[in-house]
Amino acid sequence: MEFQKLELKPTGNWLKRLMTNHTKKTIVYIVIGAIAGFAFYYITEGRFLMNMQSDHIIKNTLMGAFIGFFITNSPCARGKC
């Protein structure tokens, strides 16, 4: 029985391993969702920025970011429906 020699290659730092195409797509969709959440709040409230409450802005921005995250990481987005 013969065995082949196993050669291990360095994989690089953790940031290069983390930044796959799917991770980049997820980050882009989160940013787009956050911007859309803020824009939706800004348009529907019809107020100037100085009159808006910061907790409502943050809540809507986070909701938009979550929707952007869900779009790229839902089971249907992964082809597992």
N, C-alpha and C. Protein backbone atom coordinates (compact mmCIF):
# COMPACT_ATOMS: atom_id res chain seq x y z
N MET A 1 0.84 -1.16 0.00
CA MET A 1 0.00 0.00 0.00
C MET A 1 0.90 1.24 0.00
N GLU A 2 0.62 2.16 -0.92
CA GLU A 2 1.43 3.37 -1.01
C GLU A 2 0.61 4.58 -0.56
N PHE A 3 1.28 5.49 0.06
CA PHE A 3 0.66 6.71 0.52
C PHE A 3 1.29 7.90 -0.18
N GLN A 4 0.45 8.85 -0.51
CA GLN A 4 0.98 10.07 -1.12
C GLN A 4 1.27 11.08 -0.02
N LYS A 5 2.27 11.90 -0.29
CA LYS A 5 2.65 12.90 0.69
C LYS A 5 1.61 14.04 0.66
N LEU A 6 1.15 14.41 1.82
CA LEU A 6 0.16 15.47 1.96
C LEU A 6 0.89 16.80 2.12
N GLU A 7 0.58 17.73 1.22
CA GLU A 7 1.20 19.05 1.31
C GLU A 7 0.12 20.07 1.67
N LEU A 8 0.34 20.77 2.75
CA LEU A 8 -0.59 21.79 3.20
C LEU A 8 -0.09 23.15 2.75
N LYS A 9 -1.00 23.92 2.18
CA LYS A 9 -0.66 25.26 1.72
C LYS A 9 -1.17 26.28 2.74
N PRO A 10 -0.45 27.37 2.92
CA PRO A 10 -0.96 28.40 3.84
C PRO A 10 -2.24 29.01 3.28
N THR A 11 -3.21 29.23 4.15
CA THR A 11 -4.51 29.70 3.70
C THR A 11 -4.65 31.21 3.76
N GLY A 12 -3.66 31.92 4.27
CA GLY A 12 -3.77 33.37 4.38
C GLY A 12 -4.39 33.77 5.70
N ASN A 13 -4.61 35.07 5.84
CA ASN A 13 -5.16 35.54 7.10
C ASN A 13 -6.67 35.32 7.15
N TRP A 14 -7.25 35.56 8.29
CA TRP A 14 -8.67 35.26 8.50
C TRP A 14 -9.57 36.18 7.69
N LEU A 15 -9.11 37.40 7.40
CA LEU A 15 -9.93 38.34 6.65
C LEU A 15 -10.10 37.89 5.20
N LYS A 16 -9.06 37.35 4.61
CA LYS A 16 -9.16 36.84 3.23
C LYS A 16 -10.07 35.62 3.17
N ARG A 17 -10.01 34.78 4.18
CA ARG A 17 -10.89 33.61 4.20
C ARG A 17 -12.34 34.02 4.43
N LEU A 18 -12.57 35.10 5.17
CA LEU A 18 -13.91 35.56 5.48
C LEU A 18 -14.58 36.23 4.28
N MET A 19 -13.82 36.97 3.50
CA MET A 19 -14.39 37.76 2.40
C MET A 19 -14.59 36.93 1.13
N THR A 20 -15.59 36.08 1.16
CA THR A 20 -15.96 35.32 -0.03
C THR A 20 -16.94 36.16 -0.84
N ASN A 21 -17.31 35.67 -2.01
CA ASN A 21 -18.27 36.41 -2.84
C ASN A 21 -19.61 36.56 -2.14
N HIS A 22 -20.03 35.52 -1.42
CA HIS A 22 -21.32 35.58 -0.73
C HIS A 22 -21.28 36.62 0.40
N THR A 23 -20.16 36.71 1.10
CA THR A 23 -20.04 37.69 2.18
C THR A 23 -20.08 39.11 1.63
N LYS A 24 -19.40 39.33 0.51
CA LYS A 24 -19.42 40.66 -0.11
C LYS A 24 -20.83 41.02 -0.57
N LYS A 25 -21.53 40.05 -1.15
CA LYS A 25 -22.90 40.29 -1.61
C LYS A 25 -23.81 40.59 -0.42
N THR A 26 -23.63 39.89 0.68
CA THR A 26 -24.42 40.11 1.88
C THR A 26 -24.20 41.52 2.43
N ILE A 27 -22.95 41.96 2.48
CA ILE A 27 -22.65 43.30 3.00
C ILE A 27 -23.27 44.37 2.11
N VAL A 28 -23.19 44.18 0.79
CA VAL A 28 -23.78 45.16 -0.14
C VAL A 28 -25.30 45.23 0.07
N TYR A 29 -25.96 44.09 0.21
CA TYR A 29 -27.41 44.08 0.39
C TYR A 29 -27.81 44.66 1.75
N ILE A 30 -27.00 44.46 2.77
CA ILE A 30 -27.30 45.06 4.07
C ILE A 30 -27.22 46.58 3.99
N VAL A 31 -26.20 47.10 3.31
CA VAL A 31 -26.07 48.55 3.16
C VAL A 31 -27.22 49.11 2.33
N ILE A 32 -27.55 48.45 1.23
CA ILE A 32 -28.67 48.91 0.40
C ILE A 32 -29.98 48.87 1.19
N GLY A 33 -30.19 47.82 1.98
CA GLY A 33 -31.40 47.71 2.80
C GLY A 33 -31.46 48.80 3.86
N ALA A 34 -30.31 49.12 4.47
CA ALA A 34 -30.29 50.18 5.48
C ALA A 34 -30.62 51.54 4.85
N ILE A 35 -30.06 51.80 3.68
CA ILE A 35 -30.36 53.05 2.99
C ILE A 35 -31.83 53.11 2.60
N ALA A 36 -32.37 52.00 2.12
CA ALA A 36 -33.77 51.95 1.74
C ALA A 36 -34.67 52.13 2.96
N GLY A 37 -34.31 51.55 4.09
CA GLY A 37 -35.09 51.73 5.31
C GLY A 37 -35.13 53.17 5.77
N PHE A 38 -33.97 53.83 5.70
CA PHE A 38 -33.93 55.25 6.06
C PHE A 38 -34.74 56.09 5.08
N ALA A 39 -34.57 55.81 3.78
CA ALA A 39 -35.30 56.57 2.76
C ALA A 39 -36.80 56.39 2.92
N PHE A 40 -37.24 55.17 3.22
CA PHE A 40 -38.67 54.92 3.43
C PHE A 40 -39.19 55.74 4.61
N TYR A 41 -38.44 55.74 5.69
CA TYR A 41 -38.86 56.52 6.87
C TYR A 41 -38.88 58.01 6.55
N TYR A 42 -37.86 58.49 5.86
CA TYR A 42 -37.76 59.91 5.53
C TYR A 42 -38.91 60.36 4.63
N ILE A 43 -39.24 59.52 3.65
CA ILE A 43 -40.31 59.87 2.71
C ILE A 43 -41.68 59.79 3.37
N THR A 44 -41.93 58.77 4.16
CA THR A 44 -43.26 58.60 4.74
C THR A 44 -43.54 59.58 5.87
N GLU A 45 -42.53 60.01 6.60
CA GLU A 45 -42.76 60.96 7.70
C GLU A 45 -42.97 62.38 7.18
N GLY A 46 -42.30 62.76 6.11
CA GLY A 46 -42.47 64.08 5.54
C GLY A 46 -41.99 65.21 6.45
N ARG A 47 -40.97 64.95 7.25
CA ARG A 47 -40.42 65.96 8.14
C ARG A 47 -38.98 66.28 7.73
N PHE A 48 -38.47 67.35 8.29
CA PHE A 48 -37.06 67.66 8.10
C PHE A 48 -36.24 66.76 9.01
N LEU A 49 -34.98 66.58 8.70
CA LEU A 49 -34.13 65.70 9.47
C LEU A 49 -34.00 66.16 10.93
N MET A 50 -34.02 67.45 11.17
CA MET A 50 -33.85 67.95 12.54
C MET A 50 -35.05 67.62 13.41
N ASN A 51 -36.21 67.40 12.81
CA ASN A 51 -37.42 67.12 13.58
C ASN A 51 -37.67 65.63 13.80
N MET A 52 -36.88 64.79 13.19
CA MET A 52 -37.07 63.34 13.32
C MET A 52 -36.42 62.83 14.60
N GLN A 53 -37.03 61.81 15.17
CA GLN A 53 -36.47 61.21 16.38
C GLN A 53 -35.43 60.17 15.99
N SER A 54 -34.32 60.17 16.68
CA SER A 54 -33.20 59.29 16.31
C SER A 54 -33.54 57.82 16.54
N ASP A 55 -34.35 57.50 17.54
CA ASP A 55 -34.67 56.09 17.77
C ASP A 55 -35.52 55.52 16.64
N HIS A 56 -36.38 56.32 16.03
CA HIS A 56 -37.17 55.87 14.89
C HIS A 56 -36.29 55.68 13.67
N ILE A 57 -35.33 56.58 13.48
CA ILE A 57 -34.40 56.46 12.35
C ILE A 57 -33.59 55.19 12.49
N ILE A 58 -33.07 54.94 13.68
CA ILE A 58 -32.25 53.74 13.91
C ILE A 58 -33.08 52.48 13.72
N LYS A 59 -34.30 52.48 14.24
CA LYS A 59 -35.16 51.30 14.12
C LYS A 59 -35.44 50.97 12.66
N ASN A 60 -35.78 51.97 11.86
CA ASN A 60 -36.08 51.72 10.45
C ASN A 60 -34.83 51.36 9.64
N THR A 61 -33.71 51.94 9.99
CA THR A 61 -32.46 51.59 9.31
C THR A 61 -32.07 50.15 9.62
N LEU A 62 -32.20 49.74 10.87
CA LEU A 62 -31.88 48.35 11.23
C LEU A 62 -32.86 47.36 10.59
N MET A 63 -34.11 47.74 10.49
CA MET A 63 -35.09 46.87 9.84
C MET A 63 -34.74 46.69 8.36
N GLY A 64 -34.36 47.77 7.70
CA GLY A 64 -33.94 47.67 6.30
C GLY A 64 -32.70 46.83 6.14
N ALA A 65 -31.75 46.97 7.08
CA ALA A 65 -30.53 46.16 7.03
C ALA A 65 -30.86 44.68 7.23
N PHE A 66 -31.79 44.37 8.13
CA PHE A 66 -32.18 42.98 8.33
C PHE A 66 -32.84 42.41 7.08
N ILE A 67 -33.67 43.20 6.42
CA ILE A 67 -34.30 42.71 5.19
C ILE A 67 -33.24 42.45 4.13
N GLY A 68 -32.24 43.32 4.02
CA GLY A 68 -31.14 43.09 3.09
C GLY A 68 -30.37 41.82 3.44
N PHE A 69 -30.16 41.57 4.73
CA PHE A 69 -29.49 40.34 5.17
C PHE A 69 -30.34 39.12 4.85
N PHE A 70 -31.64 39.23 5.07
CA PHE A 70 -32.53 38.10 4.85
C PHE A 70 -32.63 37.75 3.37
N ILE A 71 -32.58 38.76 2.50
CA ILE A 71 -32.67 38.51 1.06
C ILE A 71 -31.52 37.62 0.59
N THR A 72 -30.34 37.84 1.12
CA THR A 72 -29.18 37.06 0.65
C THR A 72 -29.00 35.75 1.41
N ASN A 73 -29.56 35.62 2.60
CA ASN A 73 -29.30 34.43 3.41
C ASN A 73 -30.53 33.58 3.70
N SER A 74 -31.65 33.87 3.07
CA SER A 74 -32.83 33.06 3.29
C SER A 74 -32.66 31.71 2.59
N PRO A 75 -33.39 30.70 2.98
CA PRO A 75 -33.28 29.40 2.33
C PRO A 75 -33.61 29.46 0.85
N CYS A 76 -34.57 30.27 0.46
CA CYS A 76 -34.92 30.36 -0.96
C CYS A 76 -33.82 31.04 -1.76
N ALA A 77 -33.10 31.99 -1.15
CA ALA A 77 -32.00 32.64 -1.84
C ALA A 77 -30.85 31.67 -2.06
N ARG A 78 -30.75 30.68 -1.20
CA ARG A 78 -29.68 29.68 -1.30
C ARG A 78 -30.09 28.49 -2.17
N GLY A 79 -31.31 28.52 -2.71
CA GLY A 79 -31.77 27.43 -3.57
C GLY A 79 -32.21 26.19 -2.80
N LYS A 80 -32.68 26.35 -1.58
CA LYS A 80 -33.09 25.22 -0.76
C LYS A 80 -34.59 25.24 -0.46
N CYS A 81 -35.37 25.84 -1.33
CA CYS A 81 -36.83 25.87 -1.13
C CYS A 81 -37.44 24.52 -1.46
